């Protein structure tokens, strides 16, 4: 099991930016092999997938965030990031990171976008 800690959430106006971080409690060698993902859950809605980055650095995005969000990883720091630009009120949610290899989730970080 890997322990994940998200940070970087907050309150931002529409059109603004935030950068989320997710630090994993595993060594660089293990972290670098794992596909990492970001998910989000808005009030009253199911958790949904946002983006993933695999061990080779290839990325995939949900259509709703494509062109606005960028997922990246720093294997030396065992950390995955989510750069969120041009935020919209509908992006308001708790954002979670997930290590697909271990099936571990972080505790989540709140992102609130005001109109």
N, C-alpha and C. Protein backbone atom coordinates (compact mmCIF):
# COMPACT_ATOMS: atom_id res chain seq x y z
N UNK A 1 0.85 -1.18 0.00
CA UNK A 1 0.00 0.00 0.00
C UNK A 1 0.89 1.24 0.00
N UNK A 2 0.48 2.25 -0.76
CA UNK A 2 1.21 3.50 -0.82
C UNK A 2 0.34 4.60 -0.24
N UNK A 3 0.97 5.50 0.49
CA UNK A 3 0.26 6.63 1.09
C UNK A 3 0.41 7.83 0.17
N UNK A 4 -0.73 8.45 -0.19
CA UNK A 4 -0.74 9.59 -1.11
C UNK A 4 -1.27 10.82 -0.38
N UNK A 5 -0.61 11.95 -0.58
CA UNK A 5 -1.02 13.19 0.06
C UNK A 5 -1.15 14.28 -1.00
N UNK A 6 -2.40 14.75 -1.20
CA UNK A 6 -2.65 15.83 -2.15
C UNK A 6 -2.53 17.18 -1.47
N UNK A 7 -2.20 18.19 -2.26
CA UNK A 7 -2.15 19.57 -1.77
C UNK A 7 -2.34 20.50 -2.95
N UNK A 8 -2.58 21.78 -2.64
CA UNK A 8 -2.66 22.78 -3.68
C UNK A 8 -4.06 23.27 -4.01
N UNK A 9 -5.07 22.67 -3.40
CA UNK A 9 -6.42 23.13 -3.67
C UNK A 9 -6.69 24.49 -3.06
N UNK A 10 -7.85 25.05 -3.39
CA UNK A 10 -8.21 26.35 -2.84
C UNK A 10 -9.38 26.96 -3.56
N UNK A 11 -9.58 28.25 -3.30
CA UNK A 11 -10.66 29.01 -3.91
C UNK A 11 -10.06 29.92 -4.97
N UNK A 12 -10.63 29.88 -6.16
CA UNK A 12 -10.13 30.69 -7.26
C UNK A 12 -11.30 31.20 -8.10
N UNK A 13 -11.12 32.34 -8.72
CA UNK A 13 -12.16 32.85 -9.61
C UNK A 13 -12.13 32.14 -10.95
N UNK A 14 -13.25 32.13 -11.62
CA UNK A 14 -13.32 31.55 -12.96
C UNK A 14 -12.27 32.20 -13.86
N UNK A 15 -11.61 31.35 -14.65
CA UNK A 15 -10.52 31.81 -15.50
C UNK A 15 -9.15 31.72 -14.85
N UNK A 16 -9.13 31.44 -13.56
CA UNK A 16 -7.88 31.36 -12.83
C UNK A 16 -7.22 29.99 -12.96
N UNK A 17 -6.11 29.83 -12.23
CA UNK A 17 -5.32 28.60 -12.30
C UNK A 17 -4.98 28.10 -10.91
N UNK A 18 -4.80 26.79 -10.83
CA UNK A 18 -4.30 26.15 -9.63
C UNK A 18 -3.39 25.00 -10.05
N UNK A 19 -2.46 24.66 -9.18
CA UNK A 19 -1.60 23.50 -9.42
C UNK A 19 -1.71 22.56 -8.22
N UNK A 20 -2.21 21.36 -8.49
CA UNK A 20 -2.33 20.35 -7.45
C UNK A 20 -1.09 19.46 -7.45
N UNK A 21 -0.72 19.00 -6.27
CA UNK A 21 0.39 18.07 -6.12
C UNK A 21 -0.08 16.84 -5.37
N UNK A 22 0.55 15.72 -5.66
CA UNK A 22 0.25 14.48 -4.95
C UNK A 22 1.57 13.76 -4.71
N UNK A 23 1.96 13.69 -3.45
CA UNK A 23 3.22 13.05 -3.08
C UNK A 23 2.97 11.62 -2.63
N UNK A 24 3.75 10.69 -3.14
CA UNK A 24 3.59 9.27 -2.82
C UNK A 24 4.70 8.80 -1.89
N UNK A 25 4.34 7.94 -0.96
CA UNK A 25 5.30 7.45 0.04
C UNK A 25 6.00 6.18 -0.42
N UNK A 26 6.51 6.22 -1.64
CA UNK A 26 7.25 5.09 -2.17
C UNK A 26 8.53 5.60 -2.82
N UNK A 27 9.45 4.71 -3.03
CA UNK A 27 10.72 5.11 -3.62
C UNK A 27 10.55 5.51 -5.07
N UNK A 28 11.52 6.23 -5.56
CA UNK A 28 11.52 6.66 -6.94
C UNK A 28 11.39 5.47 -7.89
N UNK A 29 12.09 4.41 -7.61
CA UNK A 29 12.10 3.26 -8.52
C UNK A 29 10.73 2.62 -8.64
N UNK A 30 10.00 2.57 -7.53
CA UNK A 30 8.65 2.01 -7.57
C UNK A 30 7.68 3.00 -8.20
N UNK A 31 7.74 4.26 -7.74
CA UNK A 31 6.83 5.28 -8.25
C UNK A 31 6.92 5.41 -9.77
N UNK A 32 8.13 5.36 -10.28
CA UNK A 32 8.32 5.61 -11.72
C UNK A 32 7.66 4.55 -12.60
N UNK A 33 7.35 3.40 -12.03
CA UNK A 33 6.76 2.32 -12.82
C UNK A 33 5.24 2.37 -12.82
N UNK A 34 4.66 3.21 -11.96
CA UNK A 34 3.21 3.18 -11.76
C UNK A 34 2.48 4.26 -12.55
N UNK A 35 1.34 3.86 -13.10
CA UNK A 35 0.44 4.84 -13.70
C UNK A 35 -0.28 5.59 -12.58
N UNK A 36 -0.28 6.90 -12.69
CA UNK A 36 -0.91 7.76 -11.69
C UNK A 36 -2.08 8.51 -12.33
N UNK A 37 -3.12 8.73 -11.53
CA UNK A 37 -4.29 9.40 -12.06
C UNK A 37 -4.85 10.44 -11.12
N UNK A 38 -5.58 11.38 -11.69
CA UNK A 38 -6.36 12.36 -10.93
C UNK A 38 -7.84 12.11 -11.21
N UNK A 39 -8.63 12.21 -10.17
CA UNK A 39 -10.08 12.06 -10.23
C UNK A 39 -10.70 13.21 -9.45
N UNK A 40 -11.99 13.41 -9.64
CA UNK A 40 -12.68 14.45 -8.87
C UNK A 40 -14.10 14.03 -8.57
N UNK A 41 -14.63 14.59 -7.49
CA UNK A 41 -15.99 14.30 -7.09
C UNK A 41 -16.67 15.59 -6.66
N UNK A 42 -17.67 15.98 -7.42
CA UNK A 42 -18.46 17.16 -7.10
C UNK A 42 -19.59 16.77 -6.16
N UNK A 43 -20.12 17.74 -5.41
CA UNK A 43 -21.21 17.43 -4.47
C UNK A 43 -22.38 16.76 -5.16
N UNK A 44 -22.83 15.65 -4.62
CA UNK A 44 -23.99 14.96 -5.16
C UNK A 44 -23.73 14.17 -6.42
N UNK A 45 -22.46 14.08 -6.83
CA UNK A 45 -22.13 13.36 -8.06
C UNK A 45 -21.13 12.24 -7.77
N UNK A 46 -21.03 11.32 -8.72
CA UNK A 46 -20.06 10.24 -8.58
C UNK A 46 -18.65 10.74 -8.89
N UNK A 47 -17.68 10.04 -8.33
CA UNK A 47 -16.30 10.37 -8.63
C UNK A 47 -16.03 10.09 -10.11
N UNK A 48 -15.32 11.01 -10.77
CA UNK A 48 -15.04 10.85 -12.19
C UNK A 48 -13.56 10.99 -12.46
N UNK A 49 -13.13 10.31 -13.49
CA UNK A 49 -11.74 10.35 -13.91
C UNK A 49 -11.44 11.69 -14.59
N UNK A 50 -10.25 12.23 -14.33
CA UNK A 50 -9.83 13.50 -14.92
C UNK A 50 -8.67 13.30 -15.89
N UNK A 51 -7.60 12.63 -15.40
CA UNK A 51 -6.41 12.48 -16.24
C UNK A 51 -5.53 11.38 -15.68
N UNK A 52 -4.71 10.79 -16.54
CA UNK A 52 -3.71 9.81 -16.11
C UNK A 52 -2.39 10.06 -16.83
N UNK A 53 -1.32 9.64 -16.18
CA UNK A 53 0.01 9.65 -16.79
C UNK A 53 0.66 8.30 -16.49
N UNK A 54 1.16 7.64 -17.54
CA UNK A 54 1.75 6.32 -17.30
C UNK A 54 3.25 6.42 -17.05
N UNK A 55 3.88 5.27 -16.91
CA UNK A 55 5.30 5.24 -16.56
C UNK A 55 6.18 5.86 -17.64
N UNK A 56 5.68 5.83 -18.87
CA UNK A 56 6.45 6.41 -19.96
C UNK A 56 6.20 7.89 -20.18
N UNK A 57 5.28 8.43 -19.38
CA UNK A 57 4.96 9.85 -19.51
C UNK A 57 3.81 10.16 -20.44
N UNK A 58 3.19 9.14 -21.01
CA UNK A 58 2.03 9.37 -21.87
C UNK A 58 0.84 9.77 -21.02
N UNK A 59 0.06 10.70 -21.56
CA UNK A 59 -1.06 11.26 -20.79
C UNK A 59 -2.38 11.07 -21.52
N UNK A 60 -3.45 11.04 -20.73
CA UNK A 60 -4.81 11.01 -21.25
C UNK A 60 -5.68 11.91 -20.40
N UNK A 61 -6.69 12.51 -21.04
CA UNK A 61 -7.55 13.47 -20.34
C UNK A 61 -9.02 13.23 -20.65
N UNK A 62 -9.84 13.53 -19.68
CA UNK A 62 -11.28 13.57 -19.93
C UNK A 62 -11.56 14.73 -20.87
N UNK A 63 -12.59 14.56 -21.70
CA UNK A 63 -12.92 15.61 -22.67
C UNK A 63 -13.22 16.94 -21.99
N UNK A 64 -13.77 16.88 -20.80
CA UNK A 64 -14.18 18.10 -20.11
C UNK A 64 -12.99 18.98 -19.68
N UNK A 65 -11.80 18.40 -19.61
CA UNK A 65 -10.64 19.17 -19.15
C UNK A 65 -9.55 19.27 -20.21
N UNK A 66 -9.73 18.59 -21.33
CA UNK A 66 -8.70 18.57 -22.37
C UNK A 66 -8.42 19.99 -22.86
N UNK A 67 -7.15 20.32 -22.95
CA UNK A 67 -6.76 21.66 -23.39
C UNK A 67 -6.65 22.67 -22.26
N UNK A 68 -7.16 22.32 -21.07
CA UNK A 68 -7.09 23.24 -19.93
C UNK A 68 -6.22 22.68 -18.79
N UNK A 69 -6.25 21.36 -18.61
CA UNK A 69 -5.49 20.73 -17.53
C UNK A 69 -4.29 19.98 -18.10
N UNK A 70 -3.21 19.92 -17.31
CA UNK A 70 -2.02 19.18 -17.70
C UNK A 70 -1.54 18.33 -16.52
N UNK A 71 -1.44 17.02 -16.75
CA UNK A 71 -0.91 16.12 -15.73
C UNK A 71 0.57 15.88 -16.04
N UNK A 72 1.37 15.84 -14.99
CA UNK A 72 2.80 15.57 -15.16
C UNK A 72 3.32 14.84 -13.92
N UNK A 73 4.53 14.34 -14.02
CA UNK A 73 5.11 13.62 -12.89
C UNK A 73 6.58 13.96 -12.75
N UNK A 74 7.04 13.93 -11.51
CA UNK A 74 8.46 14.09 -11.20
C UNK A 74 8.86 12.84 -10.42
N UNK A 75 9.47 11.90 -11.11
CA UNK A 75 9.79 10.62 -10.46
C UNK A 75 10.83 10.78 -9.35
N UNK A 76 11.71 11.76 -9.49
CA UNK A 76 12.71 11.98 -8.45
C UNK A 76 12.08 12.40 -7.13
N UNK A 77 10.90 13.02 -7.21
CA UNK A 77 10.19 13.45 -6.01
C UNK A 77 9.00 12.55 -5.69
N UNK A 78 8.80 11.51 -6.48
CA UNK A 78 7.64 10.61 -6.31
C UNK A 78 6.35 11.43 -6.20
N UNK A 79 6.20 12.36 -7.12
CA UNK A 79 5.08 13.30 -7.08
C UNK A 79 4.44 13.44 -8.45
N UNK A 80 3.12 13.53 -8.45
CA UNK A 80 2.38 13.80 -9.67
C UNK A 80 1.66 15.13 -9.50
N UNK A 81 1.54 15.87 -10.59
CA UNK A 81 0.95 17.21 -10.55
C UNK A 81 -0.26 17.28 -11.49
N UNK A 82 -1.12 18.25 -11.20
CA UNK A 82 -2.21 18.58 -12.11
C UNK A 82 -2.27 20.10 -12.21
N UNK A 83 -1.82 20.63 -13.33
CA UNK A 83 -1.90 22.07 -13.60
C UNK A 83 -3.26 22.34 -14.22
N UNK A 84 -4.03 23.20 -13.58
CA UNK A 84 -5.38 23.49 -14.03
C UNK A 84 -5.47 24.96 -14.41
N UNK A 85 -5.73 25.22 -15.68
CA UNK A 85 -5.85 26.58 -16.19
C UNK A 85 -7.27 26.84 -16.67
N UNK A 86 -7.61 28.11 -16.80
CA UNK A 86 -8.93 28.51 -17.29
C UNK A 86 -10.03 27.76 -16.55
N UNK A 87 -9.95 27.78 -15.24
CA UNK A 87 -10.90 27.04 -14.42
C UNK A 87 -12.31 27.58 -14.56
N UNK A 88 -13.27 26.66 -14.48
CA UNK A 88 -14.67 26.99 -14.60
C UNK A 88 -15.41 26.58 -13.32
N UNK A 89 -16.55 27.20 -13.04
CA UNK A 89 -17.30 26.81 -11.84
C UNK A 89 -17.61 25.31 -11.80
N UNK A 90 -17.82 24.70 -12.96
CA UNK A 90 -18.13 23.27 -13.00
C UNK A 90 -16.91 22.39 -12.66
N UNK A 91 -15.75 22.99 -12.51
CA UNK A 91 -14.57 22.24 -12.06
C UNK A 91 -14.54 22.11 -10.53
N UNK A 92 -15.46 22.77 -9.86
CA UNK A 92 -15.52 22.69 -8.40
C UNK A 92 -15.75 21.25 -7.95
N UNK A 93 -14.86 20.74 -7.10
CA UNK A 93 -14.93 19.35 -6.66
C UNK A 93 -13.80 19.08 -5.67
N UNK A 94 -13.87 17.93 -5.04
CA UNK A 94 -12.72 17.42 -4.31
C UNK A 94 -11.90 16.59 -5.30
N UNK A 95 -10.62 16.89 -5.38
CA UNK A 95 -9.74 16.23 -6.33
C UNK A 95 -8.87 15.20 -5.59
N UNK A 96 -8.83 14.00 -6.16
CA UNK A 96 -8.10 12.89 -5.56
C UNK A 96 -7.05 12.38 -6.55
N UNK A 97 -5.92 11.95 -6.03
CA UNK A 97 -4.98 11.23 -6.88
C UNK A 97 -5.04 9.74 -6.52
N UNK A 98 -4.65 8.94 -7.49
CA UNK A 98 -4.70 7.49 -7.33
C UNK A 98 -3.47 6.85 -7.94
N UNK A 99 -2.92 5.89 -7.22
CA UNK A 99 -1.85 5.05 -7.74
C UNK A 99 -2.51 3.79 -8.28
N UNK A 100 -2.54 3.65 -9.60
CA UNK A 100 -3.28 2.54 -10.21
C UNK A 100 -2.69 1.18 -9.85
N UNK A 101 -1.38 1.12 -9.64
CA UNK A 101 -0.74 -0.16 -9.35
C UNK A 101 -1.16 -0.70 -7.98
N UNK A 102 -1.23 0.20 -7.00
CA UNK A 102 -1.60 -0.22 -5.64
C UNK A 102 -3.08 -0.04 -5.36
N UNK A 103 -3.75 0.72 -6.21
CA UNK A 103 -5.16 1.00 -5.95
C UNK A 103 -5.38 1.93 -4.78
N UNK A 104 -4.36 2.73 -4.44
CA UNK A 104 -4.43 3.62 -3.30
C UNK A 104 -4.94 4.99 -3.71
N UNK A 105 -5.71 5.61 -2.80
CA UNK A 105 -6.26 6.96 -3.00
C UNK A 105 -5.70 7.90 -1.95
N UNK A 106 -5.56 9.17 -2.32
CA UNK A 106 -5.25 10.19 -1.35
C UNK A 106 -6.50 10.63 -0.63
N UNK A 107 -6.33 11.60 0.28
CA UNK A 107 -7.47 12.07 1.09
C UNK A 107 -8.29 13.13 0.37
N UNK A 108 -7.75 13.66 -0.71
CA UNK A 108 -8.46 14.66 -1.50
C UNK A 108 -8.11 16.09 -1.11
N UNK A 109 -8.26 16.99 -2.07
CA UNK A 109 -8.06 18.42 -1.83
C UNK A 109 -9.18 19.18 -2.53
N UNK A 110 -9.76 20.13 -1.83
CA UNK A 110 -10.93 20.85 -2.34
C UNK A 110 -10.51 21.94 -3.31
N UNK A 111 -11.18 21.97 -4.45
CA UNK A 111 -11.03 23.05 -5.43
C UNK A 111 -12.39 23.70 -5.61
N UNK A 112 -12.46 25.00 -5.39
CA UNK A 112 -13.69 25.74 -5.54
C UNK A 112 -13.45 26.89 -6.51
N UNK A 113 -14.27 26.94 -7.55
CA UNK A 113 -14.15 27.98 -8.58
C UNK A 113 -15.40 28.84 -8.53
N UNK A 114 -15.21 30.12 -8.24
CA UNK A 114 -16.33 31.04 -8.15
C UNK A 114 -16.56 31.72 -9.50
N UNK A 115 -17.82 32.02 -9.75
CA UNK A 115 -18.17 32.66 -11.04
C UNK A 115 -18.09 34.16 -10.96
